[in-house]
N, C-alpha and C. Protein backbone atom coordinates (compact mmCIF):
# COMPACT_ATOMS: atom_id res chain seq x y z
N MET A 1 87.98 126.58 122.85
CA MET A 1 88.01 127.44 121.68
C MET A 1 89.26 128.32 121.69
N LEU A 2 89.59 128.86 122.85
CA LEU A 2 90.79 129.72 122.93
C LEU A 2 92.05 128.91 122.67
N ASP A 3 92.09 127.67 123.14
CA ASP A 3 93.24 126.82 122.88
C ASP A 3 93.44 126.59 121.39
N TYR A 4 92.33 126.59 120.62
CA TYR A 4 92.40 126.39 119.19
C TYR A 4 92.60 127.69 118.42
N GLY A 5 92.64 128.82 119.14
CA GLY A 5 92.89 130.10 118.49
C GLY A 5 91.66 130.82 117.98
N TYR A 6 90.46 130.41 118.45
CA TYR A 6 89.23 131.07 118.01
C TYR A 6 88.85 132.17 118.99
N PRO A 7 88.46 133.35 118.52
CA PRO A 7 87.96 134.38 119.43
C PRO A 7 86.61 133.97 120.00
N VAL A 8 86.34 134.38 121.23
CA VAL A 8 85.13 133.98 121.93
C VAL A 8 84.38 135.21 122.42
N LEU A 9 83.07 135.21 122.20
CA LEU A 9 82.17 136.23 122.75
C LEU A 9 81.33 135.53 123.81
N ALA A 10 81.39 135.99 125.05
CA ALA A 10 80.78 135.26 126.15
C ALA A 10 79.76 136.11 126.90
N VAL A 11 78.68 135.47 127.32
CA VAL A 11 77.65 136.09 128.16
C VAL A 11 77.31 135.08 129.25
N ALA A 12 77.16 135.56 130.48
CA ALA A 12 76.79 134.68 131.58
C ALA A 12 75.66 135.32 132.38
N THR A 13 74.68 134.52 132.74
CA THR A 13 73.61 135.00 133.61
C THR A 13 74.15 135.12 135.04
N GLY A 14 73.39 135.78 135.89
CA GLY A 14 73.78 135.85 137.29
C GLY A 14 73.84 134.49 137.93
N ALA A 15 72.84 133.64 137.62
CA ALA A 15 72.84 132.28 138.16
C ALA A 15 74.03 131.48 137.63
N GLY A 16 74.36 131.71 136.35
CA GLY A 16 75.49 131.02 135.76
C GLY A 16 76.80 131.39 136.44
N GLN A 17 76.96 132.66 136.77
CA GLN A 17 78.17 133.10 137.45
C GLN A 17 78.24 132.52 138.87
N ARG A 18 77.08 132.40 139.50
CA ARG A 18 77.06 131.80 140.84
C ARG A 18 77.46 130.33 140.78
N VAL A 19 76.91 129.59 139.81
CA VAL A 19 77.26 128.18 139.66
C VAL A 19 78.75 128.04 139.35
N TRP A 20 79.26 128.92 138.50
CA TRP A 20 80.70 128.92 138.16
C TRP A 20 81.52 129.02 139.44
N ARG A 21 81.13 129.96 140.29
CA ARG A 21 81.88 130.19 141.53
C ARG A 21 81.77 129.01 142.49
N GLU A 22 80.58 128.44 142.62
CA GLU A 22 80.37 127.38 143.60
C GLU A 22 80.94 126.04 143.15
N GLU A 23 80.90 125.77 141.84
CA GLU A 23 81.32 124.45 141.36
C GLU A 23 82.75 124.41 140.86
N LEU A 24 83.29 125.57 140.47
CA LEU A 24 84.66 125.61 139.97
C LEU A 24 85.61 126.29 140.95
N ASP A 25 85.06 126.81 142.06
CA ASP A 25 85.88 127.51 143.06
C ASP A 25 86.69 128.64 142.43
N ALA A 26 86.06 129.35 141.51
CA ALA A 26 86.72 130.47 140.83
C ALA A 26 85.68 131.51 140.47
N ASP A 27 86.08 132.75 140.50
CA ASP A 27 85.19 133.84 140.11
C ASP A 27 85.16 133.94 138.60
N PHE A 28 83.96 134.12 138.02
CA PHE A 28 83.83 134.16 136.56
C PHE A 28 84.65 135.32 135.97
N THR A 29 84.54 136.49 136.57
CA THR A 29 85.28 137.64 136.05
C THR A 29 86.78 137.41 136.09
N SER A 30 87.27 136.84 137.18
CA SER A 30 88.70 136.56 137.29
C SER A 30 89.14 135.54 136.25
N SER A 31 88.28 134.56 135.99
CA SER A 31 88.60 133.55 134.98
C SER A 31 88.71 134.18 133.60
N VAL A 32 87.78 135.09 133.28
CA VAL A 32 87.82 135.76 131.99
C VAL A 32 89.08 136.59 131.85
N LEU A 33 89.47 137.27 132.92
CA LEU A 33 90.69 138.08 132.87
C LEU A 33 91.92 137.21 132.61
N SER A 34 91.92 136.02 133.17
CA SER A 34 93.06 135.12 132.92
C SER A 34 93.08 134.65 131.48
N TRP A 35 91.89 134.47 130.87
CA TRP A 35 91.84 134.08 129.46
C TRP A 35 92.32 135.20 128.56
N GLN A 36 91.97 136.43 128.92
CA GLN A 36 92.32 137.57 128.07
C GLN A 36 93.82 137.76 127.97
N GLY A 37 94.55 137.16 128.90
CA GLY A 37 96.00 137.29 128.85
C GLY A 37 96.64 136.49 127.75
N ARG A 38 95.87 135.56 127.14
CA ARG A 38 96.50 134.74 126.10
C ARG A 38 95.77 134.74 124.76
N GLU A 39 94.47 134.94 124.76
CA GLU A 39 93.75 134.93 123.49
C GLU A 39 92.62 135.95 123.53
N SER A 40 91.84 135.99 122.45
CA SER A 40 90.78 136.98 122.31
C SER A 40 89.48 136.47 122.91
N VAL A 41 89.04 137.08 124.02
CA VAL A 41 87.75 136.76 124.61
C VAL A 41 87.12 138.05 125.09
N THR A 42 85.85 138.24 124.78
CA THR A 42 85.12 139.45 125.14
C THR A 42 83.83 139.04 125.82
N THR A 43 83.53 139.65 126.97
CA THR A 43 82.29 139.37 127.67
C THR A 43 81.33 140.54 127.54
N TYR A 44 80.05 140.23 127.64
CA TYR A 44 79.01 141.25 127.52
C TYR A 44 77.99 141.06 128.64
N PRO A 45 77.45 142.16 129.17
CA PRO A 45 76.40 142.05 130.19
C PRO A 45 75.15 141.40 129.61
N LEU A 46 74.41 140.74 130.47
CA LEU A 46 73.22 140.01 130.04
C LEU A 46 72.17 140.92 129.43
N ARG A 47 72.14 142.18 129.82
CA ARG A 47 71.12 143.12 129.32
C ARG A 47 71.68 144.07 128.28
N ASP A 48 72.83 143.77 127.72
CA ASP A 48 73.46 144.67 126.74
C ASP A 48 72.75 144.55 125.39
N ILE A 49 71.97 145.55 125.04
CA ILE A 49 71.23 145.51 123.78
C ILE A 49 72.06 146.01 122.61
N ASP A 50 73.29 146.48 122.89
CA ASP A 50 74.16 146.98 121.84
C ASP A 50 75.26 146.00 121.47
N ALA A 51 75.25 144.81 122.04
CA ALA A 51 76.27 143.82 121.71
C ALA A 51 76.25 143.53 120.21
N PRO A 52 77.40 143.35 119.58
CA PRO A 52 77.44 143.19 118.12
C PRO A 52 76.71 141.97 117.61
N PHE A 53 76.58 140.92 118.42
CA PHE A 53 75.93 139.69 117.94
C PHE A 53 74.45 139.65 118.25
N GLN A 54 73.88 140.77 118.73
CA GLN A 54 72.44 140.78 118.95
C GLN A 54 71.67 141.04 117.65
N SER A 55 72.43 141.17 116.57
CA SER A 55 71.82 141.25 115.24
C SER A 55 72.63 140.38 114.30
N GLY A 56 72.12 140.16 113.11
CA GLY A 56 72.79 139.29 112.16
C GLY A 56 73.95 139.94 111.44
N ARG A 57 74.26 141.19 111.75
CA ARG A 57 75.32 141.88 111.02
C ARG A 57 76.70 141.29 111.30
N LEU A 58 76.88 140.79 112.54
CA LEU A 58 78.15 140.17 112.88
C LEU A 58 78.08 138.68 112.57
N HIS A 59 78.92 138.23 111.67
CA HIS A 59 78.91 136.81 111.30
C HIS A 59 79.68 136.02 112.34
N THR A 60 79.05 134.99 112.89
CA THR A 60 79.70 134.10 113.84
C THR A 60 79.63 132.67 113.33
N ALA A 61 80.47 131.82 113.90
CA ALA A 61 80.47 130.41 113.51
C ALA A 61 79.33 129.64 114.15
N GLY A 62 78.65 130.26 115.12
CA GLY A 62 77.56 129.59 115.79
C GLY A 62 77.53 129.97 117.25
N MET A 63 76.76 129.23 118.03
CA MET A 63 76.54 129.56 119.43
C MET A 63 76.34 128.29 120.24
N ILE A 64 76.95 128.25 121.43
CA ILE A 64 76.77 127.15 122.37
C ILE A 64 76.27 127.73 123.68
N VAL A 65 75.17 127.20 124.20
CA VAL A 65 74.67 127.57 125.52
C VAL A 65 74.98 126.39 126.44
N VAL A 66 75.95 126.57 127.34
CA VAL A 66 76.41 125.45 128.16
C VAL A 66 76.75 125.92 129.57
N PRO A 67 76.09 125.37 130.59
CA PRO A 67 74.87 124.58 130.43
C PRO A 67 73.68 125.52 130.37
N TYR A 68 72.58 125.06 129.81
CA TYR A 68 71.41 125.93 129.79
C TYR A 68 70.45 125.53 130.90
N SER A 69 69.77 126.51 131.45
CA SER A 69 68.75 126.24 132.45
C SER A 69 67.41 126.03 131.75
N ILE A 70 66.45 125.50 132.47
CA ILE A 70 65.11 125.32 131.92
C ILE A 70 64.50 126.67 131.57
N GLU A 71 64.82 127.71 132.34
CA GLU A 71 64.32 129.04 132.04
C GLU A 71 64.85 129.53 130.70
N THR A 72 66.16 129.33 130.44
CA THR A 72 66.73 129.74 129.17
C THR A 72 66.17 128.91 128.03
N LEU A 73 65.98 127.62 128.26
CA LEU A 73 65.37 126.76 127.24
C LEU A 73 64.00 127.29 126.84
N SER A 74 63.20 127.64 127.82
CA SER A 74 61.86 128.15 127.55
C SER A 74 61.93 129.47 126.80
N GLY A 75 62.84 130.35 127.20
CA GLY A 75 62.96 131.65 126.54
C GLY A 75 63.36 131.53 125.08
N ILE A 76 64.26 130.59 124.78
CA ILE A 76 64.69 130.40 123.39
C ILE A 76 63.57 129.74 122.58
N ALA A 77 62.91 128.73 123.19
CA ALA A 77 61.86 128.00 122.46
C ALA A 77 60.67 128.88 122.12
N THR A 78 60.38 129.86 122.97
CA THR A 78 59.22 130.73 122.74
C THR A 78 59.58 132.01 121.99
N GLY A 79 60.87 132.21 121.72
CA GLY A 79 61.28 133.42 121.01
C GLY A 79 61.14 134.67 121.85
N ALA A 80 61.22 134.54 123.18
CA ALA A 80 61.00 135.68 124.06
C ALA A 80 62.05 136.77 123.89
N ALA A 81 63.31 136.37 123.64
CA ALA A 81 64.41 137.33 123.47
C ALA A 81 64.46 138.31 124.64
N GLY A 82 64.29 137.78 125.86
CA GLY A 82 64.24 138.62 127.03
C GLY A 82 65.57 139.07 127.56
N ASN A 83 66.66 138.48 127.06
CA ASN A 83 68.00 138.91 127.45
C ASN A 83 68.95 138.63 126.29
N LEU A 84 70.23 138.93 126.48
CA LEU A 84 71.17 138.83 125.37
C LEU A 84 71.37 137.39 124.91
N ILE A 85 71.33 136.44 125.83
CA ILE A 85 71.49 135.04 125.44
C ILE A 85 70.33 134.60 124.55
N GLU A 86 69.12 134.90 124.98
CA GLU A 86 67.95 134.52 124.19
C GLU A 86 67.92 135.25 122.85
N ARG A 87 68.30 136.50 122.85
CA ARG A 87 68.32 137.27 121.60
C ARG A 87 69.38 136.72 120.65
N ALA A 88 70.56 136.41 121.18
CA ALA A 88 71.63 135.86 120.33
C ALA A 88 71.22 134.51 119.75
N ALA A 89 70.52 133.70 120.55
CA ALA A 89 70.04 132.41 120.05
C ALA A 89 69.03 132.61 118.93
N GLU A 90 68.15 133.59 119.09
CA GLU A 90 67.17 133.90 118.07
C GLU A 90 67.85 134.32 116.77
N VAL A 91 68.89 135.16 116.89
CA VAL A 91 69.63 135.60 115.71
C VAL A 91 70.36 134.43 115.06
N THR A 92 70.93 133.55 115.88
CA THR A 92 71.64 132.38 115.35
C THR A 92 70.70 131.53 114.50
N LEU A 93 69.48 131.31 114.98
CA LEU A 93 68.50 130.54 114.21
C LEU A 93 68.07 131.30 112.95
N LYS A 94 67.86 132.59 113.11
CA LYS A 94 67.39 133.39 111.98
C LYS A 94 68.41 133.39 110.84
N GLU A 95 69.69 133.37 111.21
CA GLU A 95 70.76 133.40 110.21
C GLU A 95 71.19 132.01 109.77
N CYS A 96 70.46 130.97 110.22
CA CYS A 96 70.75 129.58 109.83
C CYS A 96 72.15 129.15 110.24
N ARG A 97 72.57 129.60 111.42
CA ARG A 97 73.85 129.17 111.97
C ARG A 97 73.62 128.08 113.02
N THR A 98 74.68 127.39 113.37
CA THR A 98 74.56 126.27 114.29
C THR A 98 74.35 126.75 115.72
N LEU A 99 73.31 126.24 116.36
CA LEU A 99 73.02 126.53 117.76
C LEU A 99 73.00 125.20 118.52
N ALA A 100 73.84 125.09 119.53
CA ALA A 100 73.89 123.88 120.35
C ALA A 100 73.54 124.22 121.79
N LEU A 101 72.70 123.39 122.40
CA LEU A 101 72.30 123.57 123.78
C LEU A 101 72.71 122.35 124.59
N VAL A 102 73.36 122.59 125.72
CA VAL A 102 73.79 121.51 126.60
C VAL A 102 72.99 121.61 127.90
N PRO A 103 72.08 120.66 128.16
CA PRO A 103 71.20 120.77 129.33
C PRO A 103 71.95 120.57 130.65
N ARG A 104 71.39 121.16 131.68
CA ARG A 104 71.93 120.98 133.02
C ARG A 104 70.96 120.22 133.92
N ASP A 105 69.68 120.52 133.80
CA ASP A 105 68.69 120.00 134.73
C ASP A 105 68.23 118.59 134.37
N THR A 106 67.87 117.84 135.37
CA THR A 106 67.13 116.58 135.27
C THR A 106 66.26 116.52 136.51
N GLN A 107 65.21 115.81 136.49
CA GLN A 107 64.52 115.12 135.42
C GLN A 107 63.77 116.14 134.55
N PHE A 108 63.42 115.69 133.34
CA PHE A 108 62.67 116.54 132.42
C PHE A 108 61.20 116.17 132.48
N ASN A 109 60.35 117.19 132.56
CA ASN A 109 58.92 116.91 132.45
C ASN A 109 58.48 117.10 131.01
N ALA A 110 57.19 116.91 130.75
CA ALA A 110 56.69 116.95 129.38
C ALA A 110 56.91 118.31 128.73
N ILE A 111 56.79 119.39 129.51
CA ILE A 111 56.99 120.74 128.94
C ILE A 111 58.44 120.93 128.51
N HIS A 112 59.38 120.48 129.34
CA HIS A 112 60.80 120.59 128.98
C HIS A 112 61.08 119.82 127.68
N LEU A 113 60.56 118.60 127.60
CA LEU A 113 60.81 117.78 126.42
C LEU A 113 60.14 118.37 125.17
N GLU A 114 58.97 118.96 125.35
CA GLU A 114 58.30 119.60 124.21
C GLU A 114 59.12 120.78 123.71
N ASN A 115 59.71 121.56 124.61
CA ASN A 115 60.55 122.68 124.19
C ASN A 115 61.80 122.20 123.47
N MET A 116 62.41 121.13 123.96
CA MET A 116 63.57 120.56 123.28
C MET A 116 63.19 120.06 121.89
N HIS A 117 62.05 119.37 121.82
CA HIS A 117 61.59 118.85 120.54
C HIS A 117 61.32 119.98 119.56
N LYS A 118 60.70 121.04 120.04
CA LYS A 118 60.40 122.19 119.20
C LYS A 118 61.68 122.79 118.62
N LEU A 119 62.70 122.95 119.47
CA LEU A 119 63.97 123.52 119.02
C LEU A 119 64.72 122.55 118.10
N ALA A 120 64.68 121.26 118.43
CA ALA A 120 65.35 120.28 117.59
C ALA A 120 64.77 120.27 116.18
N ARG A 121 63.46 120.44 116.07
CA ARG A 121 62.82 120.50 114.75
C ARG A 121 63.22 121.76 113.99
N SER A 122 63.70 122.76 114.72
CA SER A 122 64.17 124.00 114.08
C SER A 122 65.66 123.95 113.75
N GLY A 123 66.29 122.80 114.00
CA GLY A 123 67.70 122.64 113.66
C GLY A 123 68.66 122.80 114.81
N VAL A 124 68.14 123.02 116.03
CA VAL A 124 69.01 123.17 117.19
C VAL A 124 69.55 121.81 117.59
N ARG A 125 70.83 121.76 117.96
CA ARG A 125 71.43 120.52 118.44
C ARG A 125 71.35 120.48 119.97
N ILE A 126 70.71 119.47 120.52
CA ILE A 126 70.67 119.24 121.96
C ILE A 126 71.79 118.24 122.27
N VAL A 127 72.84 118.71 122.91
CA VAL A 127 74.02 117.87 123.16
C VAL A 127 74.01 117.42 124.61
N SER A 128 73.85 116.15 124.83
CA SER A 128 73.76 115.63 126.19
C SER A 128 75.13 115.70 126.87
N PRO A 129 75.17 116.13 128.14
CA PRO A 129 76.44 116.17 128.88
C PRO A 129 76.75 114.86 129.59
N LEU A 130 75.94 113.81 129.33
CA LEU A 130 76.18 112.54 130.01
C LEU A 130 77.56 111.99 129.64
N PRO A 131 78.32 111.52 130.62
CA PRO A 131 79.64 110.96 130.32
C PRO A 131 79.52 109.69 129.50
N ALA A 132 80.49 109.48 128.63
CA ALA A 132 80.50 108.28 127.78
C ALA A 132 81.05 107.11 128.59
N SER A 133 80.18 106.20 128.99
CA SER A 133 80.59 105.09 129.85
C SER A 133 81.61 104.19 129.16
N TYR A 134 81.51 104.06 127.83
CA TYR A 134 82.42 103.17 127.12
C TYR A 134 83.86 103.67 127.15
N LEU A 135 84.05 104.96 127.49
CA LEU A 135 85.41 105.49 127.61
C LEU A 135 85.95 105.33 129.03
N LYS A 136 85.10 104.85 129.94
CA LYS A 136 85.48 104.58 131.33
C LYS A 136 86.19 105.77 131.98
N PRO A 137 85.53 106.95 132.02
CA PRO A 137 86.18 108.10 132.65
C PRO A 137 86.39 107.86 134.14
N ALA A 138 87.59 108.19 134.62
CA ALA A 138 87.91 108.00 136.04
C ALA A 138 87.75 109.29 136.83
N THR A 139 87.80 110.42 136.13
CA THR A 139 87.70 111.72 136.79
C THR A 139 86.77 112.62 136.00
N MET A 140 86.39 113.75 136.60
CA MET A 140 85.59 114.74 135.90
C MET A 140 86.34 115.27 134.68
N GLU A 141 87.65 115.43 134.81
CA GLU A 141 88.46 115.91 133.68
C GLU A 141 88.39 114.94 132.51
N ASP A 142 88.36 113.64 132.80
CA ASP A 142 88.24 112.64 131.73
C ASP A 142 86.92 112.82 130.98
N ALA A 143 85.84 113.04 131.73
CA ALA A 143 84.53 113.22 131.11
C ALA A 143 84.50 114.48 130.26
N MET A 144 85.12 115.56 130.75
CA MET A 144 85.14 116.82 130.00
C MET A 144 85.98 116.71 128.74
N ARG A 145 87.03 115.91 128.78
CA ARG A 145 87.86 115.76 127.58
C ARG A 145 87.10 115.10 126.44
N HIS A 146 86.02 114.41 126.77
CA HIS A 146 85.16 113.84 125.73
C HIS A 146 84.04 114.80 125.35
N LEU A 147 83.44 115.45 126.36
CA LEU A 147 82.28 116.30 126.12
C LEU A 147 82.63 117.55 125.33
N VAL A 148 83.69 118.23 125.70
CA VAL A 148 84.02 119.52 125.06
C VAL A 148 84.30 119.35 123.57
N PRO A 149 85.15 118.43 123.14
CA PRO A 149 85.33 118.24 121.70
C PRO A 149 84.05 117.86 120.98
N ARG A 150 83.18 117.09 121.66
CA ARG A 150 81.91 116.70 121.04
C ARG A 150 81.04 117.93 120.79
N ASP A 151 81.02 118.86 121.74
CA ASP A 151 80.27 120.10 121.56
C ASP A 151 80.83 120.91 120.41
N LEU A 152 82.16 121.01 120.35
CA LEU A 152 82.78 121.83 119.31
C LEU A 152 82.66 121.18 117.93
N ALA A 153 82.67 119.85 117.89
CA ALA A 153 82.55 119.15 116.61
C ALA A 153 81.20 119.41 115.98
N VAL A 154 80.16 119.65 116.80
CA VAL A 154 78.85 120.00 116.27
C VAL A 154 78.94 121.25 115.40
N HIS A 155 79.85 122.14 115.74
CA HIS A 155 80.02 123.38 114.98
C HIS A 155 81.05 123.24 113.86
N GLY A 156 81.54 122.03 113.65
CA GLY A 156 82.48 121.82 112.56
C GLY A 156 83.88 122.33 112.83
N VAL A 157 84.24 122.52 114.12
CA VAL A 157 85.59 122.97 114.45
C VAL A 157 86.56 121.84 114.12
N PRO A 158 87.40 122.00 113.11
CA PRO A 158 88.22 120.88 112.64
C PRO A 158 89.20 120.38 113.70
N GLU A 159 89.70 121.27 114.54
CA GLU A 159 90.66 120.85 115.55
C GLU A 159 90.05 119.92 116.58
N ALA A 160 88.73 119.99 116.74
CA ALA A 160 88.06 119.18 117.76
C ALA A 160 87.70 117.79 117.27
N GLN A 161 87.72 117.56 115.98
CA GLN A 161 87.18 116.32 115.44
C GLN A 161 88.04 115.11 115.77
N GLY A 162 89.32 115.32 116.04
CA GLY A 162 90.18 114.20 116.37
C GLY A 162 90.50 114.09 117.84
N GLU A 163 89.79 114.84 118.69
CA GLU A 163 90.13 114.90 120.10
C GLU A 163 89.68 113.71 120.93
N PRO A 164 88.44 113.20 120.78
CA PRO A 164 88.00 112.14 121.69
C PRO A 164 88.93 110.94 121.64
N PRO A 165 89.24 110.33 122.76
CA PRO A 165 90.15 109.18 122.78
C PRO A 165 89.50 107.96 122.15
N ALA A 166 90.32 106.96 121.90
CA ALA A 166 89.80 105.72 121.31
C ALA A 166 88.86 105.03 122.29
N TYR A 167 87.99 104.19 121.75
CA TYR A 167 87.03 103.47 122.59
C TYR A 167 87.77 102.47 123.49
N VAL A 168 87.25 102.29 124.67
CA VAL A 168 87.80 101.30 125.59
C VAL A 168 87.01 100.01 125.42
N LEU A 169 87.69 98.92 125.17
CA LEU A 169 87.02 97.64 124.96
C LEU A 169 86.60 97.03 126.29
N ALA A 170 85.75 96.03 126.23
CA ALA A 170 85.22 95.41 127.44
C ALA A 170 86.31 94.78 128.28
N THR A 171 87.43 94.40 127.66
CA THR A 171 88.53 93.77 128.38
C THR A 171 89.29 94.77 129.24
N GLY A 172 89.08 96.06 128.99
CA GLY A 172 89.81 97.08 129.73
C GLY A 172 90.98 97.62 128.95
N SER A 173 91.36 96.91 127.87
CA SER A 173 92.41 97.43 127.01
C SER A 173 91.78 98.31 125.94
N TRP A 174 92.60 99.04 125.21
CA TRP A 174 92.03 99.89 124.18
C TRP A 174 92.87 99.83 122.93
N SER A 175 92.25 100.19 121.83
CA SER A 175 92.94 100.18 120.54
C SER A 175 92.35 101.24 119.65
N PRO A 176 93.20 102.00 118.93
CA PRO A 176 92.66 103.00 118.00
C PRO A 176 91.92 102.37 116.84
N ASP A 177 92.04 101.04 116.68
CA ASP A 177 91.35 100.36 115.59
C ASP A 177 90.04 99.72 116.05
N ALA A 178 89.62 100.04 117.29
CA ALA A 178 88.42 99.40 117.82
C ALA A 178 87.20 99.70 116.96
N LYS A 179 87.16 100.89 116.39
CA LYS A 179 86.09 101.25 115.48
C LYS A 179 86.69 102.05 114.34
N PRO A 180 86.07 102.03 113.17
CA PRO A 180 86.60 102.80 112.05
C PRO A 180 86.74 104.26 112.42
N GLY A 181 87.89 104.83 112.05
CA GLY A 181 88.12 106.24 112.31
C GLY A 181 88.42 106.53 113.77
N GLY A 182 88.77 105.51 114.56
CA GLY A 182 89.08 105.75 115.96
C GLY A 182 87.86 105.83 116.84
N GLY A 183 86.66 105.62 116.28
CA GLY A 183 85.48 105.56 117.11
C GLY A 183 84.75 106.86 117.31
N TYR A 184 85.22 107.96 116.74
CA TYR A 184 84.50 109.20 116.94
C TYR A 184 83.86 109.66 115.65
N PRO A 185 82.88 110.56 115.74
CA PRO A 185 82.05 110.87 114.57
C PRO A 185 82.79 111.63 113.48
N ARG A 186 82.27 111.54 112.31
CA ARG A 186 82.74 112.39 111.23
C ARG A 186 81.68 113.46 110.98
N ILE A 187 82.08 114.57 110.42
CA ILE A 187 81.16 115.68 110.23
C ILE A 187 80.66 115.73 108.80
N ILE A 188 79.36 115.85 108.64
CA ILE A 188 78.77 116.18 107.35
C ILE A 188 78.29 117.62 107.47
N PRO A 189 79.05 118.60 106.97
CA PRO A 189 78.74 120.00 107.25
C PRO A 189 77.47 120.49 106.59
N SER A 190 77.07 119.90 105.48
CA SER A 190 75.88 120.41 104.80
C SER A 190 75.22 119.29 104.02
N CYS A 191 73.90 119.26 104.07
CA CYS A 191 73.19 118.25 103.31
C CYS A 191 71.76 118.71 103.12
N VAL A 192 71.06 118.00 102.28
CA VAL A 192 69.64 118.25 102.09
C VAL A 192 68.89 117.16 102.82
N ALA A 193 68.01 117.53 103.73
CA ALA A 193 67.31 116.56 104.55
C ALA A 193 65.81 116.81 104.47
N ARG A 194 65.04 115.80 104.77
CA ARG A 194 63.59 115.92 104.76
C ARG A 194 63.08 116.07 106.19
N GLY A 195 62.32 117.13 106.43
CA GLY A 195 61.65 117.27 107.71
C GLY A 195 62.48 117.86 108.82
N VAL A 196 63.78 118.11 108.60
CA VAL A 196 64.63 118.68 109.63
C VAL A 196 65.50 119.76 109.01
N GLY A 197 66.08 120.58 109.86
CA GLY A 197 66.96 121.62 109.36
C GLY A 197 66.23 122.92 109.12
N ILE A 198 66.92 123.86 108.55
CA ILE A 198 66.38 125.19 108.29
C ILE A 198 66.25 125.39 106.79
N ARG A 199 65.03 125.67 106.34
CA ARG A 199 64.82 125.88 104.91
C ARG A 199 65.24 127.28 104.53
N ARG A 200 66.11 127.40 103.53
CA ARG A 200 66.57 128.68 103.02
C ARG A 200 65.68 129.13 101.87
N PRO A 201 65.80 130.41 101.49
CA PRO A 201 64.95 130.91 100.39
C PRO A 201 65.09 130.14 99.09
N ASP A 202 66.28 129.55 98.85
CA ASP A 202 66.45 128.81 97.60
C ASP A 202 65.89 127.39 97.68
N GLY A 203 65.29 127.04 98.84
CA GLY A 203 64.66 125.74 98.97
C GLY A 203 65.52 124.67 99.58
N THR A 204 66.83 124.94 99.75
CA THR A 204 67.71 123.94 100.34
C THR A 204 67.62 124.02 101.86
N ARG A 205 68.08 122.95 102.51
CA ARG A 205 68.13 122.93 103.97
C ARG A 205 69.58 122.73 104.40
N HIS A 206 70.03 123.58 105.31
CA HIS A 206 71.38 123.45 105.83
C HIS A 206 71.32 122.70 107.15
N LEU A 207 72.06 121.66 107.28
CA LEU A 207 72.00 120.84 108.48
C LEU A 207 73.38 120.29 108.79
N GLN A 208 73.79 120.38 110.05
CA GLN A 208 75.03 119.74 110.48
C GLN A 208 74.69 118.48 111.25
N LEU A 209 75.29 117.40 110.85
CA LEU A 209 74.99 116.12 111.47
C LEU A 209 76.26 115.49 112.02
N LEU A 210 76.13 114.81 113.16
CA LEU A 210 77.18 113.93 113.65
C LEU A 210 76.77 112.52 113.28
N VAL A 211 77.53 111.92 112.41
CA VAL A 211 77.17 110.59 111.92
C VAL A 211 78.21 109.60 112.42
N PRO A 212 77.87 108.72 113.38
CA PRO A 212 78.84 107.75 113.87
C PRO A 212 79.16 106.73 112.80
N PRO A 213 80.41 106.33 112.69
CA PRO A 213 80.76 105.31 111.71
C PRO A 213 80.11 103.98 112.06
N PRO A 214 79.81 103.15 111.06
CA PRO A 214 79.16 101.87 111.35
C PRO A 214 80.03 100.95 112.19
N TRP A 215 79.44 100.27 113.15
CA TRP A 215 80.18 99.36 114.01
C TRP A 215 80.48 98.07 113.25
N GLN A 216 81.75 97.75 113.17
CA GLN A 216 82.17 96.55 112.46
C GLN A 216 82.89 95.55 113.37
N GLY A 217 82.95 95.89 114.67
CA GLY A 217 83.66 95.00 115.59
C GLY A 217 85.15 95.25 115.56
N PRO A 218 85.87 94.75 116.55
CA PRO A 218 87.33 94.92 116.58
C PRO A 218 87.98 94.28 115.37
N ARG A 219 88.97 94.96 114.84
CA ARG A 219 89.66 94.42 113.68
C ARG A 219 90.66 93.34 114.12
N GLY A 220 90.97 92.46 113.18
CA GLY A 220 91.98 91.46 113.44
C GLY A 220 91.44 90.30 114.24
């Protein structure tokens, strides 16, 4: 988001900061300070009840929880609003803005899946972090170069829509013409849908969809 020039409001749980440190070999606070040197990023404590986005007065483009724990999933699904992340998610849903959740844990039991289903029916996007095998990622960075734009495209970030690389064919070679539009989704920012999305007072439903282009086989 910072690379694209968007301001970021960030909150991290204690467990999230620990995972950041253990898996990225970097301190979360130090990382934020390095970001602040080039673009607009603001962090808030997990228990900050005065944060501007804890109410609908501050308009945001949406919210991404990445990765979310099962505890956070449960808190959002039940409307507990027990901390700033859960409260911000509640506000995002209340204001009919895009909320995307990227899971961390596996395996999922029936309760986890029921919570995901409940949120999905409320318009929340559950974005899987599984690497795209058809892109044949060789490193973690390769996998992230596909996942991050996919997460941002859910929110309609135009700069992210052309980021994923072309599909890799079974032969090992690749071509931008392998699928229409280079093989990545196009965004339908708003539509009227039955049974999904958030119903507004005027009766319409606002829904963001990732619609993959139809597979037509390699051209030529």
